[in-house]
Amino acid sequence: MSIEQKVAVITGASGGIGAALVKGYRDRNYRVVATSLSIKPSNDDEVLAVPGDIADRKTAERAISEGVARFGRIDTLVNNAGIFIAKPFTQYTDADYAAMVAVNLTGFFHITQLAVAEMEKQGSGHVVQITTSLVDHAMAAVPSVLASLTKGGLAAATKSLAIEYAKRGIRVNAVAPGNIKTPMHSVETYGQLEALEPIGHLGEIADIVDAILYLEGAGFVTGEILHVDGGQSAGH
C-alpha cells in the first residue's frame, strides 16, 4: 500500500455484511465512506457516515463528493446494498418490482458511475458487487425471479465494466453468496436454508468479507464472479 491511505466506499453499511466490511477495510488501514439509509455517525475519524437512500442519486453524489472532500480520493467501491424478495413470479407486485430495481440496479448505477469517474482521475480503482448464487443456479425451492433479474444485471454489468476499464487501471469483480447468516434470515429458517447448501451449513458474514478482501488484493483478477455459496452454484 502506498503511503497515502486508500479509501473504500461501502453501501448498505449499517449492519450485517456491510458493517463487517467497514471493519474489514479499516483493519487494512483503509479510510471508509459508509452509506446506508440508517447509518449513524461513527466515533472513528477515519469513517465518514453518509445517510441516505442509495436509489437516490443525491445520496450517491454526497457519498462520493464528501468522501473526496474528506479523504482526497476514492479507491474502492463495494456495492453491498441490496434487497431480496422471494415470491412466486405471479405474486410479485409493482411495488416489489420498483423497490428491487431501485436499490439493486438504480443504486448501483448512480454510485458506480460517480466512483469510477473519480478512479479514472488517478488511473486506478476497484469496484465489487454483491450478486447472488441464484443467478447461475435457480432453485425451485426459492422462487426469486426479481433477484435473478436485478442481481443478474449486476453480474452482466460486472463483466462489461471490467473489460471497458481493463486498460485504465480499474478492476471490477463480484461476489455471489449463497445463504449467509445475516439479519436478513431469522434463526428459525436456518434449518430449511442449510438443506439447500451442498456443504450442509450456512455461510458466515466473514466468508463474504474474506472473499471481497481477497479480490481487493488480487491485482490480476477482474471480471470475476466469485461464488461463496457452499457449492450451491455447482449443482445439487
Protein backbone atom coordinates (compact mmCIF):
# COMPACT_ATOMS: atom_id res chain seq x y z
CA MET A 1 0.00 0.00 0.00
CA SER A 2 1.23 3.49 -0.79
CA ILE A 3 1.98 5.98 1.95
CA GLU A 4 -1.31 7.71 1.21
CA GLN A 5 -4.19 5.79 2.76
CA LYS A 6 -6.66 4.27 0.35
CA VAL A 7 -10.38 4.96 0.60
CA ALA A 8 -13.25 2.50 0.28
CA VAL A 9 -16.91 3.41 -0.22
CA ILE A 10 -19.31 0.79 1.15
CA THR A 11 -23.06 0.86 0.56
CA GLY A 12 -25.58 -0.81 2.83
CA ALA A 13 -23.00 -0.27 5.57
CA SER A 14 -25.13 -0.05 8.71
CA GLY A 15 -25.44 -3.76 9.51
CA GLY A 16 -24.73 -7.34 8.52
CA ILE A 17 -22.18 -7.76 5.73
CA GLY A 18 -21.88 -4.00 5.21
CA ALA A 19 -20.89 -3.25 8.81
CA ALA A 20 -18.42 -6.14 8.75
CA LEU A 21 -16.91 -4.75 5.55
CA VAL A 22 -16.38 -1.38 7.21
CA LYS A 23 -14.39 -3.13 9.94
CA GLY A 24 -12.56 -5.32 7.43
CA TYR A 25 -11.37 -2.38 5.38
CA ARG A 26 -10.45 -0.37 8.47
CA ASP A 27 -8.39 -3.35 9.66
CA ARG A 28 -6.48 -2.96 6.39
CA ASN A 29 -5.93 0.72 7.16
CA TYR A 30 -8.39 2.00 4.56
CA ARG A 31 -10.41 5.08 5.26
CA VAL A 32 -14.09 4.32 4.71
CA VAL A 33 -17.13 6.16 3.42
CA ALA A 34 -20.07 4.22 4.86
CA THR A 35 -23.53 4.88 3.47
CA SER A 36 -26.98 3.45 4.13
CA LEU A 37 -30.46 4.66 4.91
CA SER A 38 -29.99 4.21 8.66
CA ILE A 39 -26.25 4.79 9.09
CA LYS A 40 -25.23 6.58 12.28
CA PRO A 41 -22.20 8.86 12.74
CA SER A 42 -19.03 6.96 13.59
CA ASN A 43 -16.69 7.57 16.52
CA ASP A 44 -13.84 6.67 14.17
CA ASP A 45 -12.42 9.75 12.44
CA GLU A 46 -11.42 7.56 9.50
CA VAL A 47 -15.03 6.54 8.84
CA LEU A 48 -17.37 9.04 7.18
CA ALA A 49 -21.04 8.12 7.57
CA VAL A 50 -23.35 9.36 4.80
CA PRO A 51 -27.04 8.57 5.46
CA GLY A 52 -29.49 8.33 2.59
CA ASP A 53 -31.40 6.15 0.16
CA ILE A 54 -28.95 4.56 -2.27
CA ALA A 55 -31.60 4.66 -5.00
CA ASP A 56 -31.49 8.49 -4.87
CA ARG A 57 -28.67 9.93 -6.98
CA LYS A 58 -28.24 12.71 -4.42
CA THR A 59 -27.13 10.13 -1.86
CA ALA A 60 -24.54 8.81 -4.29
CA GLU A 61 -23.38 12.35 -5.07
CA ARG A 62 -22.96 13.13 -1.38
CA ALA A 63 -21.14 9.90 -0.62
CA ILE A 64 -18.57 10.45 -3.36
CA SER A 65 -18.18 14.23 -3.09
CA GLU A 66 -17.99 14.22 0.71
CA GLY A 67 -15.61 11.28 0.60
CA VAL A 68 -13.28 13.09 -1.77
CA ALA A 69 -13.54 16.32 0.24
CA ARG A 70 -12.71 14.49 3.49
CA PHE A 71 -10.18 11.90 2.33
CA GLY A 72 -8.97 13.18 -1.05
CA ARG A 73 -9.58 10.08 -3.19
CA ILE A 74 -11.77 7.03 -3.91
CA ASP A 75 -10.01 3.70 -4.44
CA THR A 76 -12.69 1.08 -3.91
CA LEU A 77 -16.46 0.85 -4.14
CA VAL A 78 -18.33 -2.11 -2.65
CA ASN A 79 -21.92 -2.22 -3.90
CA ASN A 80 -23.28 -4.15 -0.95
CA ALA A 81 -26.72 -2.53 -0.62
CA GLY A 82 -29.47 -4.77 -1.90
CA ILE A 83 -32.86 -6.22 -1.17
CA PHE A 84 -34.23 -9.72 -1.75
CA ILE A 85 -37.89 -10.60 -2.11
CA ALA A 86 -38.66 -14.27 -2.76
CA LYS A 87 -42.15 -14.86 -4.18
CA PRO A 88 -43.82 -16.90 -6.89
CA PHE A 89 -43.47 -14.89 -10.08
CA THR A 90 -47.17 -14.06 -10.49
CA GLN A 91 -47.40 -12.79 -6.91
CA TYR A 92 -44.84 -10.03 -7.30
CA THR A 93 -46.39 -6.58 -7.09
CA ASP A 94 -45.47 -3.37 -8.85
CA ALA A 95 -44.11 -2.17 -5.51
CA ASP A 96 -41.85 -5.23 -5.21
CA TYR A 97 -40.53 -4.66 -8.71
CA ALA A 98 -39.95 -0.94 -8.17
CA ALA A 99 -38.18 -1.49 -4.85
CA MET A 100 -35.80 -4.15 -6.14
CA VAL A 101 -34.92 -2.27 -9.30
CA ALA A 102 -34.40 0.95 -7.32
CA VAL A 103 -31.98 -0.50 -4.78
CA ASN A 104 -30.29 -3.30 -6.72
CA LEU A 105 -29.89 -1.59 -10.09
CA THR A 106 -30.52 2.16 -9.87
CA GLY A 107 -28.47 2.45 -6.69
CA PHE A 108 -25.61 0.56 -8.33
CA PHE A 109 -25.76 2.73 -11.45
CA HIS A 110 -25.57 6.11 -9.72
CA ILE A 111 -22.80 5.49 -7.21
CA THR A 112 -20.71 3.32 -9.53
CA GLN A 113 -20.79 5.95 -12.28
CA LEU A 114 -19.62 8.65 -9.86
CA ALA A 115 -17.00 6.45 -8.17
CA VAL A 116 -15.50 5.28 -11.47
CA ALA A 117 -15.20 8.90 -12.62
CA GLU A 118 -13.03 9.59 -9.56
CA MET A 119 -10.99 6.42 -10.08
CA GLU A 120 -10.28 7.44 -13.67
CA LYS A 121 -8.60 10.62 -12.42
CA GLN A 122 -5.97 8.59 -10.56
CA GLY A 123 -5.77 5.73 -13.04
CA SER A 124 -6.65 3.01 -10.54
CA GLY A 125 -9.57 1.58 -8.61
CA HIS A 126 -11.67 -1.44 -7.76
CA VAL A 127 -15.44 -1.98 -7.85
CA VAL A 128 -17.12 -5.03 -6.28
CA GLN A 129 -20.78 -6.03 -6.48
CA ILE A 130 -22.72 -8.44 -4.27
CA THR A 131 -24.89 -10.60 -6.51
CA THR A 132 -26.45 -13.99 -5.67
CA SER A 133 -25.70 -17.61 -6.49
CA LEU A 134 -29.30 -17.92 -7.70
CA VAL A 135 -28.35 -16.03 -10.86
CA ASP A 136 -26.36 -19.07 -12.01
CA HIS A 137 -28.31 -21.85 -10.34
CA ALA A 138 -32.05 -21.30 -9.98
CA MET A 139 -33.81 -23.33 -7.29
CA ALA A 140 -37.44 -24.43 -7.31
CA ALA A 141 -37.49 -24.07 -3.53
CA VAL A 142 -36.59 -20.38 -3.78
CA PRO A 143 -38.77 -18.62 -6.38
CA SER A 144 -36.89 -15.38 -6.95
CA VAL A 145 -37.19 -14.04 -10.48
CA LEU A 146 -36.71 -10.42 -9.41
CA ALA A 147 -33.46 -11.31 -7.63
CA SER A 148 -32.23 -13.02 -10.79
CA LEU A 149 -33.40 -10.09 -12.93
CA THR A 150 -31.68 -7.42 -10.86
CA LYS A 151 -28.66 -9.25 -9.47
CA GLY A 152 -28.20 -10.93 -12.84
CA GLY A 153 -27.98 -7.45 -14.27
CA LEU A 154 -25.16 -6.69 -11.85
CA ALA A 155 -23.31 -9.85 -12.85
CA ALA A 156 -23.51 -8.89 -16.53
CA ALA A 157 -22.51 -5.30 -15.78
CA THR A 158 -19.51 -6.55 -13.79
CA LYS A 159 -18.03 -8.27 -16.82
CA SER A 160 -18.86 -5.39 -19.15
CA LEU A 161 -17.29 -2.78 -16.88
CA ALA A 162 -14.26 -4.97 -16.26
CA ILE A 163 -13.48 -5.08 -19.96
CA GLU A 164 -14.32 -1.42 -20.59
CA TYR A 165 -11.92 -0.26 -17.90
CA ALA A 166 -9.29 -3.02 -18.00
CA LYS A 167 -6.68 -0.80 -19.64
CA ARG A 168 -7.47 2.16 -17.40
CA GLY A 169 -6.35 0.57 -14.15
CA ILE A 170 -9.83 -0.11 -12.78
CA ARG A 171 -10.79 -3.67 -11.86
CA VAL A 172 -14.41 -4.80 -11.48
CA ASN A 173 -15.48 -8.00 -9.74
CA ALA A 174 -18.43 -9.51 -7.90
CA VAL A 175 -19.13 -11.94 -5.08
CA ALA A 176 -22.14 -14.26 -5.42
CA PRO A 177 -23.19 -15.52 -1.98
CA GLY A 178 -25.33 -18.48 -1.13
CA ASN A 179 -27.30 -18.43 2.12
CA ILE A 180 -25.41 -16.46 4.73
CA LYS A 181 -26.15 -15.97 8.43
CA THR A 182 -27.21 -12.33 8.32
CA PRO A 183 -30.08 -10.35 9.87
CA MET A 184 -31.93 -10.98 6.58
CA HIS A 185 -32.65 -14.55 7.77
CA SER A 186 -34.35 -15.42 11.05
CA VAL A 187 -32.80 -18.17 13.15
CA GLU A 188 -35.97 -20.21 12.69
CA THR A 189 -35.25 -20.56 8.97
CA TYR A 190 -31.65 -21.78 9.32
CA GLY A 191 -32.53 -25.49 9.15
CA GLN A 192 -34.52 -25.06 5.96
CA LEU A 193 -31.79 -22.93 4.38
CA GLU A 194 -28.98 -25.30 5.38
CA ALA A 195 -30.75 -28.06 3.44
CA LEU A 196 -30.26 -26.01 0.27
CA GLU A 197 -26.47 -25.88 0.67
CA PRO A 198 -24.45 -28.86 -0.66
CA ILE A 199 -21.84 -28.21 2.02
CA GLY A 200 -24.54 -28.70 4.68
CA HIS A 201 -24.40 -25.44 6.58
CA LEU A 202 -24.90 -21.71 6.11
CA GLY A 203 -22.09 -19.34 5.31
CA GLU A 204 -20.85 -16.72 7.74
CA ILE A 205 -20.60 -12.97 7.16
CA ALA A 206 -16.83 -13.39 7.48
CA ASP A 207 -16.83 -15.67 4.43
CA ILE A 208 -18.16 -12.81 2.28
CA VAL A 209 -15.82 -10.24 3.79
CA ASP A 210 -12.83 -12.52 3.24
CA ALA A 211 -13.84 -13.03 -0.41
CA ILE A 212 -14.12 -9.30 -1.04
CA LEU A 213 -10.82 -8.59 0.66
CA TYR A 214 -9.21 -11.33 -1.43
CA LEU A 215 -10.46 -9.62 -4.58
CA GLU A 216 -9.21 -6.31 -3.21
CA GLY A 217 -5.65 -7.60 -3.21
CA ALA A 218 -5.87 -9.72 -6.37
CA GLY A 219 -4.39 -7.35 -8.91
CA PHE A 220 -4.62 -9.80 -11.82
CA VAL A 221 -8.30 -10.63 -11.22
CA THR A 222 -11.02 -8.66 -12.99
CA GLY A 223 -14.39 -9.57 -14.44
CA GLU A 224 -14.67 -12.41 -11.90
CA ILE A 225 -17.91 -13.59 -10.27
CA LEU A 226 -16.63 -15.33 -7.14
CA HIS A 227 -19.16 -17.79 -5.76
CA VAL A 228 -19.20 -18.09 -1.98
CA ASP A 229 -22.15 -20.43 -1.71
CA GLY A 230 -21.19 -23.78 -0.22
CA GLY A 231 -21.23 -25.38 -3.66
CA GLN A 232 -24.77 -24.24 -4.48
CA SER A 233 -23.94 -22.92 -7.95
CA ALA A 234 -22.13 -26.17 -8.86
CA GLY A 235 -25.31 -28.22 -8.53
CA HIS A 236 -27.42 -30.37 -6.23
